Amino acid sequence: MKVFVNLLLLLLLAAVLGAAAFLPYGVLGLAALVAIWLFTTRSGALARAATGIGIAGLPQRWGASAVIVVGIAGVVGVLVAMLAMGEGFKATLSNTGGTDTAIILRGGSQAETNSVITRDQVPLISALAGIARGPDNRPIVSPELSQVVNLQSMADGTDTNVQFRGVGPDAWAIRPKLKIIEGRKFNGGLREMVVGRGAQKQFRGLEVGKQLNLANQIWTVVGVFESGDSNESELWADADVLGPAYQRQAFQSVTVKLDGKDGFKQLSGALAADPRLKLDVSTTHDYYAKQSENLTKFLTALGVVIGTIMAVGAIFGALNSMYAAVAGRAREIATMRAIGFRGLPVVVAVMLETMLLALIGGLLGAAVAWLLFNGHTVSTLGNNFSQVVFQFRVTPELLWTGLKWALGIGLVGGLFPALRAARLPVTEALRAA
């Protein structure tokens, strides 16, 4: 019978946690219902009184309380940090490009690394409908190639993959967010480059005026740019200089400025209608957002797995601590039972005490994650096998997720000790004390 009751309790607990986790305002709704019960019923008043007694005794049990708080803080801190990494990477790539520009790749290519666009295809692309034209009535088109080069990381000096992008003259008009903040733009036909601010912070030798030996040729850094997106992880040079340096006879992509709201539709239709061009097109926003999907999912799953493993440990820590607290307060609980406190107020009191400790741990973990990781710059390998520089992004939604995990751990960790306290035989507890 006892096993059956415990099974029912676990199912009820799972339902409560599910409602709290998946309903938009599940946690707030449950908290509101508990608050109404606490302040409008006699049992609620008794539960509040019993909770006050338990909280007043927390300083005498600071060691056991600290185990709960620190354990839950660790879970929340690690979980939020892992999720913030995925959120930051996703935000960086999602902010790259826009709906007013498009990128053209070879048909079936998922990324620039496995795309090839021959030089004789570029004039055909430039003549398609849907591409905006500049003041000189020329189509705004940038044939581009991407070469992965090795640079030393700023942190430990190890060789790291960096994207060296060759662009056409129209690349600046296509990406108006990109601004030179130091030095100048590179000159066409020369072995000059500009570097992203993010790349400059992460890799050595990218200060203005420095020279790099790449492809057995000397390249000079002449400028630094900011764009607030993944382009900041790159080095830029003239595509007509970069291609021959690495013996690249073709481009990998063509990026274009779209002509108004219907530009993408017109360009897609024109590409599909030309049998000479077996190419795919997507807006640059959609392309870069898609590039972030796999790694974001991986980081989120990894964060949940690690958080779950740590949460199990924190639950056992809370169980042990609260069982010990209930055993140490056996006489106190028995006395309350003897003077009229029934089982439900005692259960709620122990649960509220555990949830309070869990909330403190959750807030502590969230604060640590925000202070240590929000805005912290790191780099990771992107789909083009080069490093993408991005910042951890600790959002209010992630902090709320961490707090929900903390309250869930407190709910699980406090339930069975609370039931034990309510079932404690009064006479036996008083005699043992």
Protein backbone atom coordinates (compact mmCIF):
# COMPACT_ATOMS: atom_id res chain seq x y z
CA MET A 1 0.00 0.00 0.00
CA LYS A 2 2.85 2.36 0.90
CA VAL A 3 4.51 1.74 -2.47
CA PHE A 4 1.23 2.52 -4.24
CA VAL A 5 0.83 5.80 -2.30
CA ASN A 6 4.40 6.83 -3.12
CA LEU A 7 3.79 6.07 -6.79
CA LEU A 8 0.70 8.26 -6.79
CA LEU A 9 2.69 11.03 -5.14
CA LEU A 10 5.38 10.78 -7.79
CA LEU A 11 2.79 10.97 -10.56
CA LEU A 12 1.19 13.99 -8.91
CA LEU A 13 4.61 15.60 -8.54
CA ALA A 14 5.38 14.95 -12.21
CA ALA A 15 2.10 16.60 -13.18
CA VAL A 16 2.87 19.64 -11.02
CA LEU A 17 6.39 19.96 -12.46
CA GLY A 18 5.05 19.55 -15.98
CA ALA A 19 2.50 22.31 -15.46
CA ALA A 20 5.15 24.58 -13.97
CA ALA A 21 7.63 23.93 -16.76
CA PHE A 22 5.46 23.96 -19.87
CA LEU A 23 2.52 26.22 -19.12
CA PRO A 24 3.37 29.88 -19.81
CA TYR A 25 2.60 31.00 -16.26
CA GLY A 26 2.55 27.61 -14.55
CA VAL A 27 4.88 28.49 -11.68
CA LEU A 28 3.17 31.83 -11.02
CA GLY A 29 -0.24 30.17 -11.14
CA LEU A 30 0.75 27.52 -8.62
CA ALA A 31 2.31 30.16 -6.37
CA ALA A 32 -0.88 32.23 -6.53
CA LEU A 33 -3.05 29.24 -5.57
CA VAL A 34 -0.79 28.39 -2.63
CA ALA A 35 -0.80 32.03 -1.49
CA ILE A 36 -4.60 32.18 -1.61
CA TRP A 37 -4.80 28.98 0.45
CA LEU A 38 -2.24 30.26 2.98
CA PHE A 39 -4.04 33.55 3.63
CA THR A 40 -7.71 32.53 3.38
CA THR A 41 -8.02 29.24 5.26
CA ARG A 42 -7.44 28.03 8.81
CA SER A 43 -5.11 25.28 7.61
CA GLY A 44 -3.20 27.90 5.66
CA ALA A 45 -2.81 30.05 8.76
CA LEU A 46 -1.46 27.04 10.69
CA ALA A 47 0.92 26.32 7.80
CA ARG A 48 2.17 29.91 7.93
CA ALA A 49 2.76 29.66 11.66
CA ALA A 50 4.61 26.36 11.30
CA THR A 51 6.68 27.80 8.45
CA GLY A 52 7.65 30.77 10.60
CA ILE A 53 8.88 28.44 13.32
CA GLY A 54 10.93 26.43 10.83
CA ILE A 55 12.47 29.51 9.18
CA ALA A 56 13.36 30.97 12.58
CA GLY A 57 15.41 27.83 13.24
CA LEU A 58 17.38 27.97 9.97
CA PRO A 59 20.39 29.76 11.55
CA GLN A 60 20.82 26.77 13.88
CA ARG A 61 20.85 24.48 10.84
CA TRP A 62 23.01 26.65 8.60
CA GLY A 63 25.27 23.78 7.54
CA ALA A 64 22.46 21.63 6.18
CA SER A 65 20.80 24.70 4.67
CA ALA A 66 24.03 25.71 2.95
CA VAL A 67 24.24 22.26 1.30
CA ILE A 68 20.86 22.84 -0.35
CA VAL A 69 21.56 26.45 -1.35
CA VAL A 70 25.04 25.81 -2.79
CA GLY A 71 23.98 22.61 -4.58
CA ILE A 72 21.05 24.29 -6.30
CA ALA A 73 23.10 27.41 -7.06
CA GLY A 74 25.62 25.21 -8.86
CA VAL A 75 22.91 23.56 -10.95
CA VAL A 76 21.34 26.87 -11.95
CA GLY A 77 24.69 28.53 -12.65
CA VAL A 78 25.92 25.77 -14.95
CA LEU A 79 22.56 25.37 -16.70
CA VAL A 80 22.15 29.10 -17.37
CA ALA A 81 25.77 29.41 -18.55
CA MET A 82 25.39 26.55 -21.05
CA LEU A 83 22.10 27.90 -22.35
CA ALA A 84 23.58 31.42 -22.54
CA MET A 85 26.35 30.08 -24.76
CA GLY A 86 23.82 28.65 -27.21
CA GLU A 87 21.70 31.79 -27.02
CA GLY A 88 24.71 34.01 -27.71
CA PHE A 89 25.85 31.95 -30.70
CA LYS A 90 22.33 31.91 -32.11
CA ALA A 91 21.90 35.66 -31.63
CA THR A 92 25.23 36.42 -33.32
CA LEU A 93 24.38 34.44 -36.46
CA SER A 94 20.73 35.52 -36.47
CA ASN A 95 21.86 39.17 -36.43
CA THR A 96 24.03 38.54 -39.49
CA GLY A 97 22.51 39.56 -42.79
CA GLY A 98 18.93 40.62 -43.36
CA THR A 99 15.86 40.20 -45.50
CA ASP A 100 17.07 42.87 -47.96
CA THR A 101 20.10 40.84 -49.07
CA ALA A 102 20.45 37.33 -50.46
CA ILE A 103 23.21 34.75 -50.76
CA ILE A 104 23.47 32.43 -53.77
CA LEU A 105 25.14 29.02 -53.50
CA ARG A 106 25.54 25.99 -55.71
CA GLY A 107 22.40 23.86 -55.77
CA GLY A 108 22.19 21.52 -52.77
CA SER A 109 24.95 23.26 -50.83
CA GLN A 110 24.27 23.76 -47.14
CA ALA A 111 27.14 26.20 -46.57
CA GLU A 112 29.81 28.14 -48.43
CA THR A 113 32.41 25.45 -47.73
CA ASN A 114 30.80 23.00 -50.18
CA SER A 115 29.65 25.53 -52.76
CA VAL A 116 31.31 26.47 -56.05
CA ILE A 117 30.21 29.26 -58.37
CA THR A 118 32.29 29.62 -61.51
CA ARG A 119 33.44 32.99 -62.77
CA ASP A 120 31.38 32.72 -65.95
CA GLN A 121 28.22 32.37 -63.84
CA VAL A 122 28.73 35.72 -62.08
CA PRO A 123 27.67 37.88 -65.10
CA LEU A 124 24.60 35.67 -65.56
CA ILE A 125 23.65 36.16 -61.91
CA SER A 126 24.23 39.91 -62.13
CA ALA A 127 21.72 40.17 -64.99
CA LEU A 128 18.86 38.51 -63.06
CA ALA A 129 15.73 40.33 -62.00
CA GLY A 130 15.30 41.22 -58.33
CA ILE A 131 18.82 42.56 -57.78
CA ALA A 132 19.10 46.21 -56.78
CA ARG A 133 21.22 48.61 -58.78
CA GLY A 134 23.51 51.35 -57.55
CA PRO A 135 23.73 55.01 -58.63
CA ASP A 136 25.81 53.94 -61.63
CA ASN A 137 23.02 51.54 -62.68
CA ARG A 138 25.28 48.54 -62.05
CA PRO A 139 23.86 45.57 -60.09
CA ILE A 140 25.00 45.47 -56.46
CA VAL A 141 26.70 42.08 -56.41
CA SER A 142 29.65 40.73 -54.43
CA PRO A 143 31.23 37.43 -55.61
CA GLU A 144 32.97 36.00 -52.55
CA LEU A 145 35.22 33.19 -51.48
CA SER A 146 36.15 31.91 -48.05
CA GLN A 147 39.56 30.56 -47.12
CA VAL A 148 40.33 29.05 -43.70
CA VAL A 149 43.72 30.20 -42.35
CA ASN A 150 45.57 29.50 -39.10
CA LEU A 151 46.27 32.24 -36.56
CA GLN A 152 47.48 32.02 -32.98
CA SER A 153 44.79 32.44 -30.33
CA MET A 154 45.19 35.32 -27.90
CA ALA A 155 44.56 33.02 -24.93
CA ASP A 156 47.22 30.32 -25.29
CA GLY A 157 48.96 30.82 -28.63
CA THR A 158 47.60 27.65 -30.23
CA ASP A 159 46.81 27.59 -33.97
CA THR A 160 43.15 28.36 -34.60
CA ASN A 161 41.06 28.36 -37.76
CA VAL A 162 39.98 31.81 -38.90
CA GLN A 163 37.87 32.75 -41.92
CA PHE A 164 39.68 34.86 -44.51
CA ARG A 165 36.96 36.20 -46.80
CA GLY A 166 37.55 37.63 -50.26
CA VAL A 167 34.88 40.13 -51.27
CA GLY A 168 33.96 42.30 -54.21
CA PRO A 169 33.79 46.12 -54.21
CA ASP A 170 30.04 46.06 -53.51
CA ALA A 171 30.44 44.13 -50.23
CA TRP A 172 30.42 47.37 -48.26
CA ALA A 173 27.11 48.52 -49.79
CA ILE A 174 25.55 45.10 -49.20
CA ARG A 175 26.56 45.15 -45.50
CA PRO A 176 25.93 48.74 -44.33
CA LYS A 177 26.23 47.71 -40.64
CA LEU A 178 29.92 47.09 -41.19
CA LYS A 179 31.88 50.21 -40.13
CA ILE A 180 35.61 50.87 -40.17
CA ILE A 181 36.55 51.96 -36.63
CA GLU A 182 40.31 52.04 -37.01
CA GLY A 183 42.52 52.53 -40.05
CA ARG A 184 40.94 52.32 -43.52
CA LYS A 185 39.46 49.95 -46.08
CA PHE A 186 41.79 47.77 -48.13
CA ASN A 187 42.69 48.90 -51.63
CA GLY A 188 41.74 46.66 -54.54
CA GLY A 189 44.55 44.77 -56.21
CA LEU A 190 46.84 44.91 -53.14
CA ARG A 191 47.60 42.34 -50.45
CA GLU A 192 45.83 44.34 -47.77
CA MET A 193 43.17 43.24 -45.32
CA VAL A 194 40.73 44.57 -42.76
CA VAL A 195 39.89 42.51 -39.66
CA GLY A 196 36.81 42.23 -37.47
CA ARG A 197 36.99 43.58 -33.93
CA GLY A 198 35.97 40.19 -32.56
CA ALA A 199 38.77 38.47 -34.45
CA GLN A 200 41.25 41.08 -33.29
CA LYS A 201 40.35 40.39 -29.65
CA GLN A 202 40.67 36.62 -30.01
CA PHE A 203 43.70 36.19 -32.28
CA ARG A 204 47.25 37.53 -32.26
CA GLY A 205 48.91 39.77 -34.81
CA LEU A 206 45.83 41.62 -36.09
CA GLU A 207 46.72 45.15 -35.01
CA VAL A 208 46.66 47.84 -37.71
CA GLY A 209 50.05 47.99 -39.41
CA LYS A 210 50.99 44.38 -38.60
CA GLN A 211 51.93 42.02 -41.41
CA LEU A 212 50.94 38.37 -41.73
CA ASN A 213 52.55 35.65 -43.81
CA LEU A 214 49.67 33.79 -45.47
CA ALA A 215 50.00 31.57 -48.55
CA ASN A 216 53.73 32.50 -48.60
CA GLN A 217 52.76 36.12 -49.20
CA ILE A 218 52.87 39.16 -46.94
CA TRP A 219 49.51 40.73 -46.11
CA THR A 220 49.19 44.04 -44.27
CA VAL A 221 46.42 44.82 -41.79
CA VAL A 222 45.15 48.27 -42.75
CA GLY A 223 41.87 48.53 -40.85
CA VAL A 224 39.52 47.18 -38.17
CA PHE A 225 35.74 46.98 -38.53
CA GLU A 226 32.72 46.37 -36.31
CA SER A 227 29.42 44.92 -37.48
CA GLY A 228 27.78 43.36 -34.40
CA ASP A 229 27.43 39.99 -36.12
CA SER A 230 29.45 36.98 -37.27
CA ASN A 231 31.35 39.07 -39.83
CA GLU A 232 33.39 40.42 -36.91
CA SER A 233 35.04 36.99 -36.71
CA GLU A 234 36.51 37.34 -40.20
CA LEU A 235 39.41 38.84 -42.11
CA TRP A 236 38.48 40.62 -45.36
CA ALA A 237 40.49 41.21 -48.52
CA ASP A 238 39.98 41.75 -52.24
CA ALA A 239 38.59 38.51 -53.73
CA ASP A 240 40.60 39.05 -56.93
CA VAL A 241 43.80 39.03 -54.84
CA LEU A 242 42.86 36.32 -52.36
CA GLY A 243 41.73 33.86 -55.05
CA PRO A 244 45.03 33.67 -56.97
CA ALA A 245 47.01 33.60 -53.70
CA TYR A 246 45.32 30.33 -52.80
CA GLN A 247 44.93 29.13 -56.39
CA ARG A 248 41.16 29.44 -56.24
CA GLN A 249 39.69 29.65 -59.74
CA ALA A 250 36.06 30.02 -58.65
CA PHE A 251 33.96 31.73 -56.02
CA GLN A 252 31.95 30.02 -53.31
CA SER A 253 29.02 32.39 -53.03
CA VAL A 254 27.53 35.53 -54.49
CA THR A 255 25.87 37.98 -52.14
CA VAL A 256 23.46 40.53 -53.63
CA LYS A 257 21.35 43.49 -52.61
CA LEU A 258 17.65 42.83 -53.24
CA ASP A 259 15.45 45.27 -55.14
CA GLY A 260 12.59 46.14 -52.79
CA LYS A 261 10.11 43.87 -51.03
CA ASP A 262 9.54 41.67 -54.06
CA GLY A 263 13.23 41.40 -54.90
CA PHE A 264 13.75 37.99 -53.33
CA LYS A 265 10.68 36.55 -55.05
CA GLN A 266 11.80 37.91 -58.42
CA LEU A 267 15.35 36.63 -57.95
CA SER A 268 14.16 33.16 -56.93
CA GLY A 269 11.92 32.96 -59.95
CA ALA A 270 14.64 34.16 -62.32
CA LEU A 271 17.12 31.60 -60.98
CA ALA A 272 14.61 28.78 -61.34
CA ALA A 273 13.82 29.82 -64.92
CA ASP A 274 17.45 29.84 -66.10
CA PRO A 275 18.66 26.27 -66.86
CA ARG A 276 22.28 27.46 -66.95
CA LEU A 277 22.17 28.32 -63.24
CA LYS A 278 21.62 25.34 -60.96
CA LEU A 279 21.87 27.51 -57.88
CA ASP A 280 20.01 27.99 -54.61
CA VAL A 281 19.19 31.35 -53.06
CA SER A 282 18.08 32.40 -49.59
CA THR A 283 18.02 35.65 -47.69
CA THR A 284 21.20 36.20 -45.73
CA HIS A 285 19.15 36.31 -42.53
CA ASP A 286 17.70 32.85 -43.16
CA TYR A 287 21.05 31.45 -44.26
CA TYR A 288 22.95 32.50 -41.14
CA ALA A 289 20.07 31.63 -38.83
CA LYS A 290 20.10 28.11 -40.27
CA GLN A 291 23.87 27.87 -39.72
CA SER A 292 23.29 28.30 -35.98
CA GLU A 293 20.61 25.63 -35.58
CA ASN A 294 22.73 22.51 -35.06
CA LEU A 295 25.22 24.00 -32.62
CA THR A 296 22.47 25.80 -30.68
CA LYS A 297 20.52 22.56 -30.32
CA PHE A 298 23.67 20.72 -29.26
CA LEU A 299 24.58 23.32 -26.62
CA THR A 300 21.01 23.39 -25.30
CA ALA A 301 20.84 19.59 -25.09
CA LEU A 302 24.26 19.46 -23.44
CA GLY A 303 23.20 22.08 -20.91
CA VAL A 304 20.02 20.16 -20.07
CA VAL A 305 21.90 16.86 -19.72
CA ILE A 306 24.59 18.34 -17.47
CA GLY A 307 21.97 20.28 -15.52
CA THR A 308 19.88 17.13 -15.04
CA ILE A 309 22.86 15.15 -13.74
CA MET A 310 23.72 17.93 -11.32
CA ALA A 311 20.06 18.34 -10.37
CA VAL A 312 19.85 14.68 -9.35
CA GLY A 313 22.80 15.24 -7.05
CA ALA A 314 21.23 18.41 -5.66
CA ILE A 315 17.94 16.57 -5.04
CA PHE A 316 19.70 13.87 -3.03
CA GLY A 317 21.53 16.58 -1.12
CA ALA A 318 18.24 18.30 -0.36
CA LEU A 319 16.63 15.01 0.65
CA ASN A 320 19.43 14.14 3.06
CA SER A 321 19.51 17.64 4.53
CA MET A 322 15.74 17.86 4.99
CA TYR A 323 15.47 14.32 6.40
CA ALA A 324 18.17 15.30 8.91
CA ALA A 325 16.32 18.54 9.67
CA VAL A 326 13.05 16.68 10.22
CA ALA A 327 14.80 14.15 12.50
CA GLY A 328 16.45 16.95 14.48
CA ARG A 329 13.12 18.73 14.85
CA ALA A 330 11.15 15.62 15.79
CA ARG A 331 10.25 16.96 19.21
CA GLU A 332 9.30 20.37 17.83
CA ILE A 333 7.11 18.83 15.11
CA ALA A 334 5.52 16.41 17.59
CA THR A 335 4.69 19.29 19.92
CA MET A 336 3.01 21.19 17.08
CA ARG A 337 1.05 18.07 16.18
CA ALA A 338 0.01 17.66 19.82
CA ILE A 339 -1.36 21.21 20.10
CA GLY A 340 -3.51 20.94 16.99
CA PHE A 341 -1.32 21.23 13.88
CA ARG A 342 -2.59 18.61 11.47
CA GLY A 343 -0.62 16.80 8.79
CA LEU A 344 -1.28 19.20 5.88
CA PRO A 345 0.04 22.37 7.55
CA VAL A 346 3.17 20.46 8.64
CA VAL A 347 3.75 19.14 5.11
CA VAL A 348 3.31 22.61 3.62
CA ALA A 349 5.60 24.16 6.24
CA VAL A 350 8.47 21.80 5.48
CA MET A 351 7.89 22.21 1.76
CA LEU A 352 7.86 26.00 1.97
CA GLU A 353 11.08 25.94 3.99
CA THR A 354 12.76 23.80 1.33
CA MET A 355 11.37 25.93 -1.49
CA LEU A 356 12.70 29.06 0.22
CA LEU A 357 16.20 27.57 0.33
CA ALA A 358 15.80 26.47 -3.29
CA LEU A 359 14.74 29.99 -4.30
CA ILE A 360 17.77 31.49 -2.56
CA GLY A 361 20.01 28.95 -4.32
CA GLY A 362 18.37 29.68 -7.65
CA LEU A 363 18.78 33.44 -7.25
CA LEU A 364 22.40 32.97 -6.20
CA GLY A 365 23.16 30.71 -9.19
CA ALA A 366 21.39 33.07 -11.59
CA ALA A 367 23.29 36.07 -10.21
CA VAL A 368 26.64 34.29 -10.53
CA ALA A 369 25.84 33.21 -14.11
CA TRP A 370 24.87 36.76 -15.05
CA LEU A 371 27.90 38.39 -13.41
CA LEU A 372 30.47 35.91 -14.74
CA PHE A 373 29.13 35.07 -18.18
CA ASN A 374 26.83 37.75 -19.56
CA GLY A 375 28.79 39.49 -22.31
CA HIS A 376 31.78 37.16 -21.96
CA THR A 377 33.44 36.77 -25.38
CA VAL A 378 34.42 33.32 -26.65
CA SER A 379 34.81 31.62 -30.00
CA THR A 380 33.71 28.26 -31.30
CA LEU A 381 33.91 26.31 -34.52
CA GLY A 382 31.22 27.21 -37.04
CA ASN A 383 29.90 25.36 -40.08
CA ASN A 384 32.72 26.71 -42.24
CA PHE A 385 35.32 25.06 -39.97
CA SER A 386 36.54 28.44 -38.76
CA GLN A 387 36.04 30.16 -35.43
CA VAL A 388 32.97 32.31 -34.84
CA VAL A 389 33.46 34.92 -32.13
CA PHE A 390 30.38 35.60 -30.01
CA GLN A 391 29.28 36.63 -26.54
CA PHE A 392 27.39 34.70 -23.88
CA ARG A 393 23.85 36.06 -23.68
CA VAL A 394 22.16 35.66 -20.29
CA THR A 395 18.59 36.73 -20.99
CA PRO A 396 15.70 37.16 -18.51
CA GLU A 397 14.09 34.08 -20.06
CA LEU A 398 17.16 31.97 -19.25
CA LEU A 399 17.25 33.30 -15.68
CA TRP A 400 13.58 32.39 -15.31
CA THR A 401 14.33 28.90 -16.63
CA GLY A 402 17.07 28.53 -14.03
CA LEU A 403 14.72 29.60 -11.23
CA LYS A 404 12.11 27.08 -12.38
CA TRP A 405 14.75 24.35 -12.21
CA ALA A 406 15.67 25.49 -8.70
CA LEU A 407 12.06 25.40 -7.50
CA GLY A 408 11.56 22.00 -9.13
CA ILE A 409 14.58 20.62 -7.26
CA GLY A 410 13.25 22.10 -4.03
CA LEU A 411 9.82 20.59 -4.65
CA VAL A 412 11.23 17.11 -5.22
CA GLY A 413 13.80 17.36 -2.45
CA GLY A 414 11.31 18.56 0.14
CA LEU A 415 8.28 16.37 -0.59
CA PHE A 416 9.24 13.09 1.06
CA PRO A 417 10.84 14.65 4.16
CA ALA A 418 7.67 16.74 4.51
CA LEU A 419 5.50 13.61 4.33
CA ARG A 420 7.70 11.93 6.93
CA ALA A 421 7.26 14.92 9.24
CA ALA A 422 3.47 14.74 8.84
CA ARG A 423 3.40 10.98 9.53
CA LEU A 424 5.67 11.18 12.58
CA PRO A 425 3.84 9.50 15.52
CA VAL A 426 3.40 12.13 18.22
CA THR A 427 3.93 9.92 21.28
CA GLU A 428 6.92 8.13 19.76
CA ALA A 429 8.59 11.37 18.76
CA LEU A 430 8.09 12.94 22.18
CA ARG A 431 9.41 9.80 23.91
CA ALA A 432 12.48 9.64 21.65
CA ALA A 433 13.28 13.27 22.21
